[in-house]
């Protein structure tokens, strides 16, 4: 995970959408997320905002898996800084 992808923006908005769950897809494999500094920062932020139970870091997916991930979402948000 990298900061410039803007995941913090979505996490900060989550308290305003009480019934929503945020699934962040990408970054390192799921098993490596615990050691990823940006993943740790995002989880800490979610906890501070009281939405930690509604934020899930999924980890890396293959290109073949991505269409199914997108279809399973009610909403897709892309918030990169660029």
Protein backbone atom coordinates (compact mmCIF):
# COMPACT_ATOMS: atom_id res chain seq x y z
CA UNK A 1 0.00 0.00 0.00
CA UNK A 2 1.20 3.50 -0.76
CA UNK A 3 0.04 6.77 0.75
CA UNK A 4 -0.54 8.49 -2.60
CA UNK A 5 -3.41 6.10 -3.39
CA UNK A 6 -5.65 8.17 -1.10
CA UNK A 7 -7.05 5.39 1.09
CA UNK A 8 -6.85 7.74 4.08
CA UNK A 9 -9.43 9.99 2.37
CA UNK A 10 -11.95 7.16 2.21
CA UNK A 11 -11.29 6.03 5.78
CA UNK A 12 -11.85 9.59 7.01
CA UNK A 13 -15.21 9.66 5.17
CA UNK A 14 -16.36 6.30 6.56
CA UNK A 15 -17.78 7.63 9.87
CA UNK A 16 -20.30 9.57 7.76
CA UNK A 17 -21.58 6.35 6.18
CA UNK A 18 -22.49 4.17 9.18
CA UNK A 19 -23.69 1.08 7.29
CA UNK A 20 -20.68 0.89 4.95
CA UNK A 21 -17.75 -1.50 5.02
CA UNK A 22 -14.51 -0.53 3.27
CA UNK A 23 -12.47 -3.21 1.55
CA UNK A 24 -9.08 -2.03 0.33
CA UNK A 25 -7.66 -4.24 -2.41
CA UNK A 26 -4.01 -4.18 -3.38
CA UNK A 27 -0.62 -3.85 -1.83
CA UNK A 28 1.35 -6.82 -0.55
CA UNK A 29 -0.04 -10.31 -0.14
CA UNK A 30 -2.48 -10.65 2.74
CA UNK A 31 0.08 -12.43 4.94
CA UNK A 32 2.54 -9.53 4.52
CA UNK A 33 0.03 -6.78 5.39
CA UNK A 34 0.78 -6.99 9.11
CA UNK A 35 4.35 -5.87 8.40
CA UNK A 36 3.44 -3.14 5.90
CA UNK A 37 3.93 0.34 7.39
CA UNK A 38 1.16 1.97 5.36
CA UNK A 39 -1.28 -0.83 6.20
CA UNK A 40 -0.47 -0.39 9.88
CA UNK A 41 -1.01 3.39 9.60
CA UNK A 42 -4.38 2.96 7.88
CA UNK A 43 -5.56 0.43 10.48
CA UNK A 44 -4.47 2.75 13.28
CA UNK A 45 -6.36 5.66 11.68
CA UNK A 46 -9.49 3.52 11.25
CA UNK A 47 -9.30 2.56 14.91
CA UNK A 48 -8.90 6.17 16.01
CA UNK A 49 -11.96 7.14 13.96
CA UNK A 50 -14.03 4.29 15.41
CA UNK A 51 -14.40 2.45 12.11
CA UNK A 52 -11.70 -0.19 12.53
CA UNK A 53 -14.30 -2.94 12.55
CA UNK A 54 -15.54 -1.77 9.13
CA UNK A 55 -12.19 -1.53 7.33
CA UNK A 56 -10.71 -4.67 5.79
CA UNK A 57 -7.38 -4.81 4.00
CA UNK A 58 -7.64 -7.59 1.44
CA UNK A 59 -4.13 -7.51 0.03
CA UNK A 60 -2.96 -8.24 -3.48
CA UNK A 61 -5.20 -9.80 -6.11
CA UNK A 62 -4.39 -11.00 -9.60
CA UNK A 63 -5.70 -9.25 -12.70
CA UNK A 64 -8.00 -12.23 -13.19
CA UNK A 65 -9.50 -11.79 -9.70
CA UNK A 66 -10.08 -8.05 -10.03
CA UNK A 67 -13.32 -8.14 -12.10
CA UNK A 68 -15.00 -10.33 -9.45
CA UNK A 69 -13.85 -7.97 -6.70
CA UNK A 70 -15.30 -4.98 -8.56
CA UNK A 71 -18.59 -6.78 -9.24
CA UNK A 72 -18.98 -7.63 -5.56
CA UNK A 73 -18.79 -3.96 -4.53
CA UNK A 74 -21.78 -1.67 -4.10
CA UNK A 75 -19.49 1.30 -4.69
CA UNK A 76 -15.96 1.66 -6.03
CA UNK A 77 -13.91 4.68 -5.00
CA UNK A 78 -10.60 5.71 -6.54
CA UNK A 79 -8.90 8.56 -4.69
CA UNK A 80 -5.27 8.76 -5.84
CA UNK A 81 -3.44 12.05 -5.42
CA UNK A 82 -2.51 12.11 -9.12
